[in-house]
Amino acid sequence: MCSSLPALLGAAGLKCSPRSEHLRAREDGHTQLSRAYNGPSEVVGYFEQLPHIGATFTFELHDLLAHDEHGVALLAGTAERSGERIKQKVIHVFHLNADGKITEWWTFWEDQEALDDLLA
């Protein structure tokens, strides 16, 4: 599930564990993937859907900010599907528990409508 995140999170000592019962993620927008994902099975299910719709995402870290309760990753993101590609600024916001594990995760794309069009 977290295979695209270790380089982003490791620098700040953040951990993503699919075993956390309280893990939640939010995918904004207006696509088949847009909704809240609650619990590890739903969050893992989100990532498992990506190959089925032909979508791939890559991120290049610009900066990572974190303290005891939150982490913020400033990224250059690329989304690809069906031969189309968009590049945008992306922000991942993480809520952390006392052990430094991610319990909530929100993603914000610079142009959500362009991402919606790509994933439609």
PDB file of N, CA and C in Angstrom:
ATOM      1  N   MET A   1       0.815  -1.194   0.000  1.00  0.00           N
ATOM      2  CA  MET A   1       0.000   0.000   0.000  1.00  0.00           C
ATOM      3  C   MET A   1       0.852   1.248   0.000  1.00  0.00           C
ATOM      4  N   CYS A   2       1.899   1.292   0.789  1.00  0.00           N
ATOM      5  CA  CYS A   2       2.687   2.497   0.949  1.00  0.00           C
ATOM      6  C   CYS A   2       3.911   2.519   0.053  1.00  0.00           C
ATOM      7  N   SER A   3       3.951   1.668  -0.953  1.00  0.00           N
ATOM      8  CA  SER A   3       5.170   1.519  -1.751  1.00  0.00           C
ATOM      9  C   SER A   3       5.598   2.813  -2.420  1.00  0.00           C
ATOM     10  N   SER A   4       4.700   3.751  -2.685  1.00  0.00           N
ATOM     11  CA  SER A   4       5.089   5.007  -3.319  1.00  0.00           C
ATOM     12  C   SER A   4       5.499   6.057  -2.298  1.00  0.00           C
ATOM     13  N   LEU A   5       5.428   5.755  -1.003  1.00  0.00           N
ATOM     14  CA  LEU A   5       5.676   6.762   0.000  1.00  0.00           C
ATOM     15  C   LEU A   5       6.958   6.658   0.819  1.00  0.00           C
ATOM     16  N   PRO A   6       7.655   5.520   0.879  1.00  0.00           N
ATOM     17  CA  PRO A   6       8.773   5.433   1.822  1.00  0.00           C
ATOM     18  C   PRO A   6       9.814   6.536   1.686  1.00  0.00           C
ATOM     19  N   ALA A   7      10.185   6.901   0.490  1.00  0.00           N
ATOM     20  CA  ALA A   7      11.192   7.940   0.323  1.00  0.00           C
ATOM     21  C   ALA A   7      10.694   9.278   0.853  1.00  0.00           C
ATOM     22  N   LEU A   8       9.398   9.521   0.703  1.00  0.00           N
ATOM     23  CA  LEU A   8       8.826  10.775   1.172  1.00  0.00           C
ATOM     24  C   LEU A   8       8.738  10.805   2.690  1.00  0.00           C
ATOM     25  N   LEU A   9       8.360   9.700   3.274  1.00  0.00           N
ATOM     26  CA  LEU A   9       8.081   9.656   4.700  1.00  0.00           C
ATOM     27  C   LEU A   9       9.302   9.340   5.550  1.00  0.00           C
ATOM     28  N   GLY A  10      10.185   8.508   5.039  1.00  0.00           N
ATOM     29  CA  GLY A  10      11.323   8.074   5.824  1.00  0.00           C
ATOM     30  C   GLY A  10      12.202   9.216   6.291  1.00  0.00           C
ATOM     31  N   ALA A  11      12.349  10.239   5.478  1.00  0.00           N
ATOM     32  CA  ALA A  11      13.194  11.372   5.850  1.00  0.00           C
ATOM     33  C   ALA A  11      12.693  12.064   7.112  1.00  0.00           C
ATOM     34  N   ALA A  12      11.406  11.987   7.361  1.00  0.00           N
ATOM     35  CA  ALA A  12      10.837  12.642   8.545  1.00  0.00           C
ATOM     36  C   ALA A  12      10.517  11.650   9.646  1.00  0.00           C
ATOM     37  N   GLY A  13      10.846  10.387   9.439  1.00  0.00           N
ATOM     38  CA  GLY A  13      10.569   9.380  10.452  1.00  0.00           C
ATOM     39  C   GLY A  13       9.105   9.008  10.543  1.00  0.00           C
ATOM     40  N   LEU A  14       8.330   9.292   9.499  1.00  0.00           N
ATOM     41  CA  LEU A  14       6.912   8.950   9.498  1.00  0.00           C
ATOM     42  C   LEU A  14       6.737   7.516   9.029  1.00  0.00           C
ATOM     43  N   LYS A  15       5.692   6.858   9.483  1.00  0.00           N
ATOM     44  CA  LYS A  15       5.452   5.461   9.131  1.00  0.00           C
ATOM     45  C   LYS A  15       4.022   5.292   8.636  1.00  0.00           C
ATOM     46  N   CYS A  16       3.853   4.501   7.612  1.00  0.00           N
ATOM     47  CA  CYS A  16       2.529   4.172   7.096  1.00  0.00           C
ATOM     48  C   CYS A  16       2.323   2.686   7.296  1.00  0.00           C
ATOM     49  N   SER A  17       1.314   2.323   8.056  1.00  0.00           N
ATOM     50  CA  SER A  17       1.084   0.912   8.352  1.00  0.00           C
ATOM     51  C   SER A  17      -0.322   0.502   7.950  1.00  0.00           C
ATOM     52  N   PRO A  18      -0.458  -0.456   7.022  1.00  0.00           N
ATOM     53  CA  PRO A  18      -1.801  -0.904   6.652  1.00  0.00           C
ATOM     54  C   PRO A  18      -2.468  -1.672   7.783  1.00  0.00           C
ATOM     55  N   ARG A  19      -1.728  -1.961   8.860  1.00  0.00           N
ATOM     56  CA  ARG A  19      -2.309  -2.694   9.985  1.00  0.00           C
ATOM     57  C   ARG A  19      -3.051  -1.792  10.952  1.00  0.00           C
ATOM     58  N   SER A  20      -2.910  -0.484  10.838  1.00  0.00           N
ATOM     59  CA  SER A  20      -3.594   0.441  11.736  1.00  0.00           C
ATOM     60  C   SER A  20      -5.100   0.357  11.517  1.00  0.00           C
ATOM     61  N   GLU A  21      -5.813   0.028  12.558  1.00  0.00           N
ATOM     62  CA  GLU A  21      -7.271  -0.092  12.445  1.00  0.00           C
ATOM     63  C   GLU A  21      -7.931   1.246  12.182  1.00  0.00           C
ATOM     64  N   HIS A  22      -7.235   2.321  12.483  1.00  0.00           N
ATOM     65  CA  HIS A  22      -7.818   3.652  12.375  1.00  0.00           C
ATOM     66  C   HIS A  22      -7.351   4.400  11.132  1.00  0.00           C
ATOM     67  N   LEU A  23      -6.749   3.709  10.205  1.00  0.00           N
ATOM     68  CA  LEU A  23      -6.238   4.324   8.990  1.00  0.00           C
ATOM     69  C   LEU A  23      -7.394   4.823   8.120  1.00  0.00           C
ATOM     70  N   ARG A  24      -7.295   6.101   7.697  1.00  0.00           N
ATOM     71  CA  ARG A  24      -8.298   6.679   6.808  1.00  0.00           C
ATOM     72  C   ARG A  24      -7.609   7.508   5.732  1.00  0.00           C
ATOM     73  N   ALA A  25      -8.185   7.508   4.559  1.00  0.00           N
ATOM     74  CA  ALA A  25      -7.660   8.317   3.456  1.00  0.00           C
ATOM     75  C   ALA A  25      -8.830   8.971   2.745  1.00  0.00           C
ATOM     76  N   ARG A  26      -8.574  10.085   2.091  1.00  0.00           N
ATOM     77  CA  ARG A  26      -9.612  10.821   1.378  1.00  0.00           C
ATOM     78  C   ARG A  26      -9.114  11.137  -0.016  1.00  0.00           C
ATOM     79  N   GLU A  27      -9.868  10.736  -1.027  1.00  0.00           N
ATOM     80  CA  GLU A  27      -9.567  11.069  -2.423  1.00  0.00           C
ATOM     81  C   GLU A  27     -10.651  12.026  -2.890  1.00  0.00           C
ATOM     82  N   ASP A  28     -10.297  13.295  -3.065  1.00  0.00           N
ATOM     83  CA  ASP A  28     -11.265  14.300  -3.487  1.00  0.00           C
ATOM     84  C   ASP A  28     -11.524  14.197  -4.988  1.00  0.00           C
ATOM     85  N   GLY A  29     -12.420  15.015  -5.463  1.00  0.00           N
ATOM     86  CA  GLY A  29     -12.727  15.061  -6.882  1.00  0.00           C
ATOM     87  C   GLY A  29     -14.045  14.409  -7.211  1.00  0.00           C
ATOM     88  N   HIS A  30     -14.214  14.105  -8.497  1.00  0.00           N
ATOM     89  CA  HIS A  30     -15.467  13.561  -9.024  1.00  0.00           C
ATOM     90  C   HIS A  30     -15.190  12.400  -9.973  1.00  0.00           C
ATOM     91  N   THR A  31     -14.510  11.370  -9.460  1.00  0.00           N
ATOM     92  CA  THR A  31     -14.208  10.197 -10.265  1.00  0.00           C
ATOM     93  C   THR A  31     -14.686   8.952  -9.537  1.00  0.00           C
ATOM     94  N   GLN A  32     -14.484   7.803 -10.164  1.00  0.00           N
ATOM     95  CA  GLN A  32     -14.876   6.544  -9.538  1.00  0.00           C
ATOM     96  C   GLN A  32     -14.061   6.264  -8.274  1.00  0.00           C
ATOM     97  N   LEU A  33     -12.944   6.946  -8.086  1.00  0.00           N
ATOM     98  CA  LEU A  33     -12.101   6.752  -6.910  1.00  0.00           C
ATOM     99  C   LEU A  33     -12.374   7.771  -5.801  1.00  0.00           C
ATOM    100  N   SER A  34     -13.180   8.785  -6.078  1.00  0.00           N
ATOM    101  CA  SER A  34     -13.393   9.885  -5.140  1.00  0.00           C
ATOM    102  C   SER A  34     -14.339   9.494  -4.020  1.00  0.00           C
ATOM    103  N   ARG A  35     -13.775   9.381  -2.817  1.00  0.00           N
ATOM    104  CA  ARG A  35     -14.568   9.100  -1.620  1.00  0.00           C
ATOM    105  C   ARG A  35     -13.627   8.967  -0.432  1.00  0.00           C
ATOM    106  N   ALA A  36     -14.200   8.756   0.727  1.00  0.00           N
ATOM    107  CA  ALA A  36     -13.405   8.467   1.917  1.00  0.00           C
ATOM    108  C   ALA A  36     -13.161   6.965   1.977  1.00  0.00           C
ATOM    109  N   TYR A  37     -11.961   6.588   2.375  1.00  0.00           N
ATOM    110  CA  TYR A  37     -11.580   5.188   2.551  1.00  0.00           C
ATOM    111  C   TYR A  37     -11.275   4.984   4.035  1.00  0.00           C
ATOM    112  N   ASN A  38     -12.044   4.126   4.683  1.00  0.00           N
ATOM    113  CA  ASN A  38     -11.939   3.919   6.120  1.00  0.00           C
ATOM    114  C   ASN A  38     -11.466   2.516   6.433  1.00  0.00           C
ATOM    115  N   GLY A  39     -10.404   2.429   7.209  1.00  0.00           N
ATOM    116  CA  GLY A  39      -9.851   1.134   7.592  1.00  0.00           C
ATOM    117  C   GLY A  39      -8.838   0.654   6.586  1.00  0.00           C
ATOM    118  N   PRO A  40      -7.973  -0.227   7.035  1.00  0.00           N
ATOM    119  CA  PRO A  40      -6.880  -0.686   6.169  1.00  0.00           C
ATOM    120  C   PRO A  40      -7.349  -1.397   4.907  1.00  0.00           C
ATOM    121  N   SER A  41      -8.411  -2.176   4.969  1.00  0.00           N
ATOM    122  CA  SER A  41      -8.831  -2.903   3.770  1.00  0.00           C
ATOM    123  C   SER A  41      -9.340  -1.950   2.693  1.00  0.00           C
ATOM    124  N   GLU A  42     -10.045  -0.889   3.072  1.00  0.00           N
ATOM    125  CA  GLU A  42     -10.518   0.075   2.074  1.00  0.00           C
ATOM    126  C   GLU A  42      -9.365   0.898   1.501  1.00  0.00           C
ATOM    127  N   VAL A  43      -8.413   1.272   2.354  1.00  0.00           N
ATOM    128  CA  VAL A  43      -7.274   2.060   1.871  1.00  0.00           C
ATOM    129  C   VAL A  43      -6.430   1.212   0.920  1.00  0.00           C
ATOM    130  N   VAL A  44      -6.151  -0.016   1.291  1.00  0.00           N
ATOM    131  CA  VAL A  44      -5.416  -0.924   0.406  1.00  0.00           C
ATOM    132  C   VAL A  44      -6.222  -1.144  -0.878  1.00  0.00           C
ATOM    133  N   GLY A  45      -7.539  -1.272  -0.756  1.00  0.00           N
ATOM    134  CA  GLY A  45      -8.410  -1.444  -1.925  1.00  0.00           C
ATOM    135  C   GLY A  45      -8.305  -0.287  -2.901  1.00  0.00           C
ATOM    136  N   TYR A  46      -8.140   0.933  -2.384  1.00  0.00           N
ATOM    137  CA  TYR A  46      -7.950   2.092  -3.257  1.00  0.00           C
ATOM    138  C   TYR A  46      -6.736   1.892  -4.153  1.00  0.00           C
ATOM    139  N   PHE A  47      -5.600   1.510  -3.536  1.00  0.00           N
ATOM    140  CA  PHE A  47      -4.373   1.319  -4.306  1.00  0.00           C
ATOM    141  C   PHE A  47      -4.497   0.151  -5.280  1.00  0.00           C
ATOM    142  N   GLU A  48      -5.248  -0.862  -4.914  1.00  0.00           N
ATOM    143  CA  GLU A  48      -5.447  -2.013  -5.805  1.00  0.00           C
ATOM    144  C   GLU A  48      -6.305  -1.658  -7.013  1.00  0.00           C
ATOM    145  N   GLN A  49      -7.139  -0.613  -6.909  1.00  0.00           N
ATOM    146  CA  GLN A  49      -7.969  -0.193  -8.037  1.00  0.00           C
ATOM    147  C   GLN A  49      -7.172   0.502  -9.135  1.00  0.00           C
ATOM    148  N   LEU A  50      -6.078   1.144  -8.779  1.00  0.00           N
ATOM    149  CA  LEU A  50      -5.338   1.960  -9.747  1.00  0.00           C
ATOM    150  C   LEU A  50      -4.904   1.186 -10.980  1.00  0.00           C
ATOM    151  N   PRO A  51      -4.307  -0.004 -10.857  1.00  0.00           N
ATOM    152  CA  PRO A  51      -3.936  -0.736 -12.070  1.00  0.00           C
ATOM    153  C   PRO A  51      -5.152  -1.146 -12.914  1.00  0.00           C
ATOM    154  N   HIS A  52      -6.278  -1.372 -12.265  1.00  0.00           N
ATOM    155  CA  HIS A  52      -7.476  -1.809 -12.995  1.00  0.00           C
ATOM    156  C   HIS A  52      -8.061  -0.702 -13.853  1.00  0.00           C
ATOM    157  N   ILE A  53      -7.832   0.547 -13.456  1.00  0.00           N
ATOM    158  CA  ILE A  53      -8.319   1.652 -14.290  1.00  0.00           C
ATOM    159  C   ILE A  53      -7.199   2.221 -15.158  1.00  0.00           C
ATOM    160  N   GLY A  54      -6.004   1.612 -15.070  1.00  0.00           N
ATOM    161  CA  GLY A  54      -4.875   2.015 -15.912  1.00  0.00           C
ATOM    162  C   GLY A  54      -4.195   3.293 -15.471  1.00  0.00           C
ATOM    163  N   ALA A  55      -4.327   3.647 -14.198  1.00  0.00           N
ATOM    164  CA  ALA A  55      -3.739   4.888 -13.704  1.00  0.00           C
ATOM    165  C   ALA A  55      -2.430   4.623 -12.986  1.00  0.00           C
ATOM    166  N   THR A  56      -1.458   5.495 -13.215  1.00  0.00           N
ATOM    167  CA  THR A  56      -0.207   5.453 -12.466  1.00  0.00           C
ATOM    168  C   THR A  56       0.102   6.856 -11.958  1.00  0.00           C
ATOM    169  N   PHE A  57       0.715   6.905 -10.810  1.00  0.00           N
ATOM    170  CA  PHE A  57       1.083   8.174 -10.189  1.00  0.00           C
ATOM    171  C   PHE A  57       2.550   8.108  -9.774  1.00  0.00           C
ATOM    172  N   THR A  58       3.284   9.180 -10.019  1.00  0.00           N
ATOM    173  CA  THR A  58       4.647   9.306  -9.514  1.00  0.00           C
ATOM    174  C   THR A  58       4.784  10.686  -8.873  1.00  0.00           C
ATOM    175  N   PHE A  59       5.639  10.746  -7.852  1.00  0.00           N
ATOM    176  CA  PHE A  59       5.815  11.993  -7.122  1.00  0.00           C
ATOM    177  C   PHE A  59       7.292  12.262  -6.895  1.00  0.00           C
ATOM    178  N   GLU A  60       7.651  13.523  -7.021  1.00  0.00           N
ATOM    179  CA  GLU A  60       9.000  13.965  -6.696  1.00  0.00           C
ATOM    180  C   GLU A  60       8.881  14.911  -5.504  1.00  0.00           C
ATOM    181  N   LEU A  61       9.625  14.616  -4.461  1.00  0.00           N
ATOM    182  CA  LEU A  61       9.557  15.399  -3.233  1.00  0.00           C
ATOM    183  C   LEU A  61      10.223  16.754  -3.401  1.00  0.00           C
ATOM    184  N   HIS A  62       9.481  17.792  -3.054  1.00  0.00           N
ATOM    185  CA  HIS A  62      10.027  19.149  -3.021  1.00  0.00           C
ATOM    186  C   HIS A  62      10.430  19.499  -1.588  1.00  0.00           C
ATOM    187  N   ASP A  63       9.550  19.199  -0.632  1.00  0.00           N
ATOM    188  CA  ASP A  63       9.851  19.456   0.769  1.00  0.00           C
ATOM    189  C   ASP A  63       8.935  18.616   1.639  1.00  0.00           C
ATOM    190  N   LEU A  64       9.371  18.343   2.850  1.00  0.00           N
ATOM    191  CA  LEU A  64       8.595  17.552   3.807  1.00  0.00           C
ATOM    192  C   LEU A  64       8.657  18.258   5.151  1.00  0.00           C
ATOM    193  N   LEU A  65       7.482  18.554   5.689  1.00  0.00           N
ATOM    194  CA  LEU A  65       7.367  19.255   6.958  1.00  0.00           C
ATOM    195  C   LEU A  65       6.596  18.365   7.916  1.00  0.00           C
ATOM    196  N   ALA A  66       7.040  18.283   9.163  1.00  0.00           N
ATOM    197  CA  ALA A  66       6.340  17.418  10.105  1.00  0.00           C
ATOM    198  C   ALA A  66       6.580  17.870  11.527  1.00  0.00           C
ATOM    199  N   HIS A  67       5.593  17.578  12.374  1.00  0.00           N
ATOM    200  CA  HIS A  67       5.752  17.709  13.823  1.00  0.00           C
ATOM    201  C   HIS A  67       4.995  16.547  14.447  1.00  0.00           C
ATOM    202  N   ASP A  68       4.706  16.607  15.721  1.00  0.00           N
ATOM    203  CA  ASP A  68       4.121  15.461  16.425  1.00  0.00           C
ATOM    204  C   ASP A  68       2.770  15.003  15.894  1.00  0.00           C
ATOM    205  N   GLU A  69       1.975  15.893  15.331  1.00  0.00           N
ATOM    206  CA  GLU A  69       0.610  15.546  14.943  1.00  0.00           C
ATOM    207  C   GLU A  69       0.350  15.511  13.442  1.00  0.00           C
ATOM    208  N   HIS A  70       1.167  16.211  12.651  1.00  0.00           N
ATOM    209  CA  HIS A  70       0.908  16.292  11.219  1.00  0.00           C
ATOM    210  C   HIS A  70       2.202  16.225  10.422  1.00  0.00           C
ATOM    211  N   GLY A  71       2.087  15.742   9.207  1.00  0.00           N
ATOM    212  CA  GLY A  71       3.152  15.796   8.228  1.00  0.00           C
ATOM    213  C   GLY A  71       2.584  16.356   6.940  1.00  0.00           C
ATOM    214  N   VAL A  72       3.373  17.123   6.216  1.00  0.00           N
ATOM    215  CA  VAL A  72       2.950  17.708   4.945  1.00  0.00           C
ATOM    216  C   VAL A  72       4.061  17.479   3.935  1.00  0.00           C
ATOM    217  N   ALA A  73       3.728  16.832   2.833  1.00  0.00           N
ATOM    218  CA  ALA A  73       4.678  16.612   1.749  1.00  0.00           C
ATOM    219  C   ALA A  73       4.304  17.507   0.579  1.00  0.00           C
ATOM    220  N   LEU A  74       5.240  18.354   0.157  1.00  0.00           N
ATOM    221  CA  LEU A  74       5.059  19.204  -1.020  1.00  0.00           C
ATOM    222  C   LEU A  74       5.721  18.482  -2.184  1.00  0.00           C
ATOM    223  N   LEU A  75       4.945  18.212  -3.230  1.00  0.00           N
ATOM    224  CA  LEU A  75       5.392  17.316  -4.290  1.00  0.00           C
ATOM    225  C   LEU A  75       5.177  17.898  -5.682  1.00  0.00           C
ATOM    226  N   ALA A  76       5.932  17.379  -6.621  1.00  0.00           N
ATOM    227  CA  ALA A  76       5.626  17.516  -8.043  1.00  0.00           C
ATOM    228  C   ALA A  76       5.051  16.159  -8.438  1.00  0.00           C
ATOM    229  N   GLY A  77       3.795  16.138  -8.851  1.00  0.00           N
ATOM    230  CA  GLY A  77       3.123  14.885  -9.145  1.00  0.00           C
ATOM    231  C   GLY A  77       2.835  14.718 -10.620  1.00  0.00           C
ATOM    232  N   THR A  78       2.900  13.470 -11.067  1.00  0.00           N
ATOM    233  CA  THR A  78       2.538  13.118 -12.435  1.00  0.00           C
ATOM    234  C   THR A  78       1.504  12.013 -12.370  1.00  0.00           C
ATOM    235  N   ALA A  79       0.412  12.193 -13.092  1.00  0.00           N
ATOM    236  CA  ALA A  79      -0.620  11.169 -13.205  1.00  0.00           C
ATOM    237  C   ALA A  79      -0.732  10.795 -14.672  1.00  0.00           C
ATOM    238  N   GLU A  80      -0.807   9.482 -14.937  1.00  0.00           N
ATOM    239  CA  GLU A  80      -0.915   9.002 -16.312  1.00  0.00           C
ATOM    240  C   GLU A  80      -2.033   7.987 -16.425  1.00  0.00           C
ATOM    241  N   ARG A  81      -2.725   8.054 -17.570  1.00  0.00           N
ATOM    242  CA  ARG A  81      -3.762   7.073 -17.872  1.00  0.00           C
ATOM    243  C   ARG A  81      -4.064   7.137 -19.367  1.00  0.00           C
ATOM    244  N   SER A  82      -4.133   5.983 -19.987  1.00  0.00           N
ATOM    245  CA  SER A  82      -4.502   5.868 -21.402  1.00  0.00           C
ATOM    246  C   SER A  82      -3.668   6.780 -22.297  1.00  0.00           C
ATOM    247  N   GLY A  83      -2.376   6.861 -22.036  1.00  0.00           N
ATOM    248  CA  GLY A  83      -1.492   7.661 -22.874  1.00  0.00           C
ATOM    249  C   GLY A  83      -1.525   9.148 -22.581  1.00  0.00           C
ATOM    250  N   GLU A  84      -2.363   9.597 -21.666  1.00  0.00           N
ATOM    251  CA  GLU A  84      -2.415  11.008 -21.293  1.00  0.00           C
ATOM    252  C   GLU A  84      -1.659  11.205 -19.992  1.00  0.00           C
ATOM    253  N   ARG A  85      -1.062  12.383 -19.850  1.00  0.00           N
ATOM    254  CA  ARG A  85      -0.260  12.682 -18.669  1.00  0.00           C
ATOM    255  C   ARG A  85      -0.511  14.111 -18.211  1.00  0.00           C
ATOM    256  N   ILE A  86      -0.609  14.286 -16.907  1.00  0.00           N
ATOM    257  CA  ILE A  86      -0.659  15.627 -16.341  1.00  0.00           C
ATOM    258  C   ILE A  86       0.427  15.733 -15.268  1.00  0.00           C
ATOM    259  N   LYS A  87       0.992  16.919 -15.151  1.00  0.00           N
ATOM    260  CA  LYS A  87       1.983  17.215 -14.119  1.00  0.00           C
ATOM    261  C   LYS A  87       1.464  18.411 -13.328  1.00  0.00           C
ATOM    262  N   GLN A  88       1.491  18.261 -12.001  1.00  0.00           N
ATOM    263  CA  GLN A  88       0.959  19.313 -11.148  1.00  0.00           C
ATOM    264  C   GLN A  88       1.700  19.350  -9.823  1.00  0.00           C
ATOM    265  N   LYS A  89       1.481  20.446  -9.097  1.00  0.00           N
ATOM    266  CA  LYS A  89       1.903  20.503  -7.703  1.00  0.00           C
ATOM    267  C   LYS A  89       0.874  19.718  -6.897  1.00  0.00           C
ATOM    268  N   VAL A  90       1.358  18.926  -5.933  1.00  0.00           N
ATOM    269  CA  VAL A  90       0.498  18.082  -5.115  1.00  0.00           C
ATOM    270  C   VAL A  90       0.915  18.234  -3.657  1.00  0.00           C
ATOM    271  N   ILE A  91      -0.059  18.199  -2.769  1.00  0.00           N
ATOM    272  CA  ILE A  91       0.218  18.238  -1.337  1.00  0.00           C
ATOM    273  C   ILE A  91      -0.421  17.022  -0.691  1.00  0.00           C
ATOM    274  N   HIS A  92       0.376  16.268   0.058  1.00  0.00           N
ATOM    275  CA  HIS A  92      -0.135  15.189   0.911  1.00  0.00           C
ATOM    276  C   HIS A  92      -0.093  15.718   2.346  1.00  0.00           C
ATOM    277  N   VAL A  93      -1.213  15.599   3.050  1.00  0.00           N
ATOM    278  CA  VAL A  93      -1.285  15.982   4.459  1.00  0.00           C
ATOM    279  C   VAL A  93      -1.566  14.719   5.256  1.00  0.00           C
ATOM    280  N   PHE A  94      -0.771  14.486   6.304  1.00  0.00           N
ATOM    281  CA  PHE A  94      -0.892  13.286   7.123  1.00  0.00           C
ATOM    282  C   PHE A  94      -1.204  13.652   8.565  1.00  0.00           C
ATOM    283  N   HIS A  95      -2.119  12.939   9.177  1.00  0.00           N
ATOM    284  CA  HIS A  95      -2.348  13.037  10.618  1.00  0.00           C
ATOM    285  C   HIS A  95      -1.623  11.863  11.247  1.00  0.00           C
ATOM    286  N   LEU A  96      -0.851  12.139  12.297  1.00  0.00           N
ATOM    287  CA  LEU A  96       0.001  11.121  12.918  1.00  0.00           C
ATOM    288  C   LEU A  96      -0.481  10.787  14.326  1.00  0.00           C
ATOM    289  N   ASN A  97      -0.314   9.520  14.724  1.00  0.00           N
ATOM    290  CA  ASN A  97      -0.619   9.147  16.097  1.00  0.00           C
ATOM    291  C   ASN A  97       0.639   9.328  16.958  1.00  0.00           C
ATOM    292  N   ALA A  98       0.540   8.968  18.230  1.00  0.00           N
ATOM    293  CA  ALA A  98       1.655   9.162  19.168  1.00  0.00           C
ATOM    294  C   ALA A  98       2.899   8.362  18.785  1.00  0.00           C
ATOM    295  N   ASP A  99       2.736   7.293  18.002  1.00  0.00           N
ATOM    296  CA  ASP A  99       3.866   6.472  17.558  1.00  0.00           C
ATOM    297  C   ASP A  99       4.474   6.966  16.247  1.00  0.00           C
ATOM    298  N   GLY A 100       3.958   8.080  15.703  1.00  0.00           N
ATOM    299  CA  GLY A 100       4.448   8.602  14.441  1.00  0.00           C
ATOM    300  C   GLY A 100       3.890   7.880  13.227  1.00  0.00           C
ATOM    301  N   LYS A 101       2.863   7.057  13.423  1.00  0.00           N
ATOM    302  CA  LYS A 101       2.238   6.348  12.302  1.00  0.00           C
ATOM    303  C   LYS A 101       1.102   7.182  11.723  1.00  0.00           C
ATOM    304  N   ILE A 102       0.940   7.076  10.421  1.00  0.00           N
ATOM    305  CA  ILE A 102      -0.118   7.804   9.736  1.00  0.00           C
ATOM    306  C   ILE A 102      -1.462   7.165  10.058  1.00  0.00           C
ATOM    307  N   THR A 103      -2.411   8.015  10.496  1.00  0.00           N
ATOM    308  CA  THR A 103      -3.769   7.535  10.741  1.00  0.00           C
ATOM    309  C   THR A 103      -4.758   8.131   9.744  1.00  0.00           C
ATOM    310  N   GLU A 104      -4.433   9.272   9.174  1.00  0.00           N
ATOM    311  CA  GLU A 104      -5.270   9.890   8.135  1.00  0.00           C
ATOM    312  C   GLU A 104      -4.363  10.503   7.084  1.00  0.00           C
ATOM    313  N   TRP A 105      -4.912  10.546   5.854  1.00  0.00           N
ATOM    314  CA  TRP A 105      -4.114  11.014   4.733  1.00  0.00           C
ATOM    315  C   TRP A 105      -5.041  11.717   3.748  1.00  0.00           C
ATOM    316  N   TRP A 106      -4.716  12.965   3.411  1.00  0.00           N
ATOM    317  CA  TRP A 106      -5.463  13.728   2.423  1.00  0.00           C
ATOM    318  C   TRP A 106      -4.515  14.110   1.298  1.00  0.00           C
ATOM    319  N   THR A 107      -5.014  14.118   0.082  1.00  0.00           N
ATOM    320  CA  THR A 107      -4.216  14.513  -1.078  1.00  0.00           C
ATOM    321  C   THR A 107      -4.917  15.664  -1.792  1.00  0.00           C
ATOM    322  N   PHE A 108      -4.152  16.683  -2.140  1.00  0.00           N
ATOM    323  CA  PHE A 108      -4.679  17.851  -2.834  1.00  0.00           C
ATOM    324  C   PHE A 108      -3.853  18.103  -4.093  1.00  0.00           C
ATOM    325  N   TRP A 109      -4.516  18.059  -5.251  1.00  0.00           N
ATOM    326  CA  TRP A 109      -3.874  18.339  -6.532  1.00  0.00           C
ATOM    327  C   TRP A 109      -4.118  19.793  -6.888  1.00  0.00           C
ATOM    328  N   GLU A 110      -3.148  20.404  -7.552  1.00  0.00           N
ATOM    329  CA  GLU A 110      -3.227  21.807  -7.953  1.00  0.00           C
ATOM    330  C   GLU A 110      -4.467  22.085  -8.813  1.00  0.00           C
ATOM    331  N   ASP A 111      -4.773  21.207  -9.730  1.00  0.00           N
ATOM    332  CA  ASP A 111      -5.926  21.355 -10.626  1.00  0.00           C
ATOM    333  C   ASP A 111      -6.750  20.075 -10.557  1.00  0.00           C
ATOM    334  N   GLN A 112      -7.658  20.019  -9.591  1.00  0.00           N
ATOM    335  CA  GLN A 112      -8.464  18.810  -9.377  1.00  0.00           C
ATOM    336  C   GLN A 112      -9.313  18.475 -10.600  1.00  0.00           C
ATOM    337  N   GLU A 113      -9.793  19.477 -11.314  1.00  0.00           N
ATOM    338  CA  GLU A 113     -10.620  19.219 -12.494  1.00  0.00           C
ATOM    339  C   GLU A 113      -9.826  18.493 -13.581  1.00  0.00           C
ATOM    340  N   ALA A 114      -8.571  18.866 -13.780  1.00  0.00           N
ATOM    341  CA  ALA A 114      -7.732  18.170 -14.767  1.00  0.00           C
ATOM    342  C   ALA A 114      -7.507  16.725 -14.360  1.00  0.00           C
ATOM    343  N   LEU A 115      -7.293  16.468 -13.062  1.00  0.00           N
ATOM    344  CA  LEU A 115      -7.146  15.104 -12.602  1.00  0.00           C
ATOM    345  C   LEU A 115      -8.448  14.328 -12.780  1.00  0.00           C
ATOM    346  N   ASP A 116      -9.574  14.964 -12.476  1.00  0.00           N
ATOM    347  CA  ASP A 116     -10.882  14.318 -12.681  1.00  0.00           C
ATOM    348  C   ASP A 116     -11.065  13.918 -14.139  1.00  0.00           C
ATOM    349  N   ASP A 117     -10.708  14.821 -15.048  1.00  0.00           N
ATOM    350  CA  ASP A 117     -10.839  14.535 -16.479  1.00  0.00           C
ATOM    351  C   ASP A 117      -9.964  13.353 -16.887  1.00  0.00           C
ATOM    352  N   LEU A 118      -8.760  13.287 -16.351  1.00  0.00           N
ATOM    353  CA  LEU A 118      -7.846  12.200 -16.673  1.00  0.00           C
ATOM    354  C   LEU A 118      -8.389  10.860 -16.176  1.00  0.00           C
ATOM    355  N   LEU A 119      -8.995  10.842 -14.996  1.00  0.00           N
ATOM    356  CA  LEU A 119      -9.469   9.589 -14.387  1.00  0.00           C
ATOM    357  C   LEU A 119     -10.916   9.249 -14.719  1.00  0.00           C
ATOM    358  N   ALA A 120     -11.577  10.122 -15.455  1.00  0.00           N
ATOM    359  CA  ALA A 120     -13.003   9.881 -15.794  1.00  0.00           C
ATOM    360  C   ALA A 120     -13.186   8.678 -16.682  1.00  0.00           C
TER     361      ALA A 120
END
